[in-house]
Amino acid sequence: MMLFAITINIIAQFCSPIVIDETLNKAGSDFSYYFTYGITFLIVAIVSFLTIKYLLHPDEISPDHIKRRILSDD
């Protein structure tokens, strides 16, 4: 019975809530957060722009485009 109580006590120590140190940086208060958000926004903006651009104007004008070879009646 004593071994059971000791085991429960050890498990309870590992399962206790984590106390966060108040000196840690809060989200959004450090340059790295702004840098990460900025780079992420830039990547999403570029991908969105190129997606819309190639959706509206796919630039498949050249005669040697793969679509022309597949659709030809040779």
Protein backbone atom coordinates (compact mmCIF):
# COMPACT_ATOMS: atom_id res chain seq x y z
CA MET A 1 0.00 0.00 0.00
CA MET A 2 2.89 2.34 0.79
CA LEU A 3 4.44 1.68 -2.62
CA PHE A 4 1.12 2.60 -4.25
CA ALA A 5 0.98 5.91 -2.35
CA ILE A 6 4.57 6.76 -3.30
CA THR A 7 3.85 5.99 -6.96
CA ILE A 8 0.73 8.17 -6.95
CA ASN A 9 2.71 10.98 -5.32
CA ILE A 10 5.42 10.81 -7.99
CA ILE A 11 2.85 10.77 -10.80
CA ALA A 12 1.02 13.72 -9.25
CA GLN A 13 4.22 15.76 -9.23
CA PHE A 14 4.65 15.28 -12.97
CA CYS A 15 0.99 15.98 -13.69
CA SER A 16 0.80 19.19 -11.69
CA PRO A 17 0.09 22.38 -13.63
CA ILE A 18 3.12 24.05 -15.12
CA VAL A 19 3.91 27.39 -13.54
CA ILE A 20 4.98 29.87 -16.21
CA ASP A 21 7.66 32.30 -15.21
CA GLU A 22 6.35 35.86 -15.40
CA THR A 23 9.60 37.06 -16.93
CA LEU A 24 8.98 35.15 -20.17
CA ASN A 25 8.05 37.22 -23.20
CA LYS A 26 4.38 37.40 -23.93
CA ALA A 27 3.19 36.66 -27.45
CA GLY A 28 3.56 39.69 -29.66
CA SER A 29 5.96 41.59 -27.43
CA ASP A 30 9.18 40.43 -29.04
CA PHE A 31 10.71 41.32 -32.41
CA SER A 32 10.83 37.67 -33.47
CA TYR A 33 7.05 37.41 -33.28
CA TYR A 34 6.59 40.47 -35.48
CA PHE A 35 9.25 39.19 -37.88
CA THR A 36 7.57 35.77 -38.10
CA TYR A 37 4.13 37.31 -38.62
CA GLY A 38 5.53 39.65 -41.27
CA ILE A 39 7.27 36.89 -43.22
CA THR A 40 4.18 34.69 -42.99
CA PHE A 41 1.95 37.51 -44.22
CA LEU A 42 4.36 38.22 -47.08
CA ILE A 43 4.40 34.57 -48.20
CA VAL A 44 0.60 34.31 -48.04
CA ALA A 45 0.21 37.56 -49.98
CA ILE A 46 2.62 36.45 -52.73
CA VAL A 47 0.97 33.03 -53.06
CA SER A 48 -2.51 34.59 -53.13
CA PHE A 49 -1.46 37.13 -55.77
CA LEU A 50 0.14 34.50 -58.01
CA THR A 51 -2.84 32.16 -57.60
CA ILE A 52 -5.30 34.81 -58.72
CA LYS A 53 -2.98 36.02 -61.50
CA TYR A 54 -2.50 32.59 -63.06
CA LEU A 55 -6.14 31.69 -62.53
CA LEU A 56 -7.31 34.73 -64.51
CA HIS A 57 -4.47 34.86 -67.09
CA PRO A 58 -2.71 31.49 -67.33
CA ASP A 59 -0.25 32.65 -70.08
CA GLU A 60 -0.65 29.56 -72.22
CA ILE A 61 -0.09 31.45 -75.47
CA SER A 62 3.12 29.85 -76.72
CA PRO A 63 2.72 27.23 -79.49
CA ASP A 64 5.03 24.76 -77.71
CA HIS A 65 3.00 24.74 -74.49
CA ILE A 66 2.26 21.23 -73.17
CA LYS A 67 -1.46 21.81 -73.64
CA ARG A 68 -0.97 22.27 -77.38
CA ARG A 69 0.93 18.98 -77.69
CA ILE A 70 -1.73 17.07 -75.77
CA LEU A 71 -4.69 18.58 -77.62
CA SER A 72 -3.21 18.35 -81.11
CA ASP A 73 -4.83 15.98 -83.60
CA ASP A 74 -1.61 14.33 -84.78
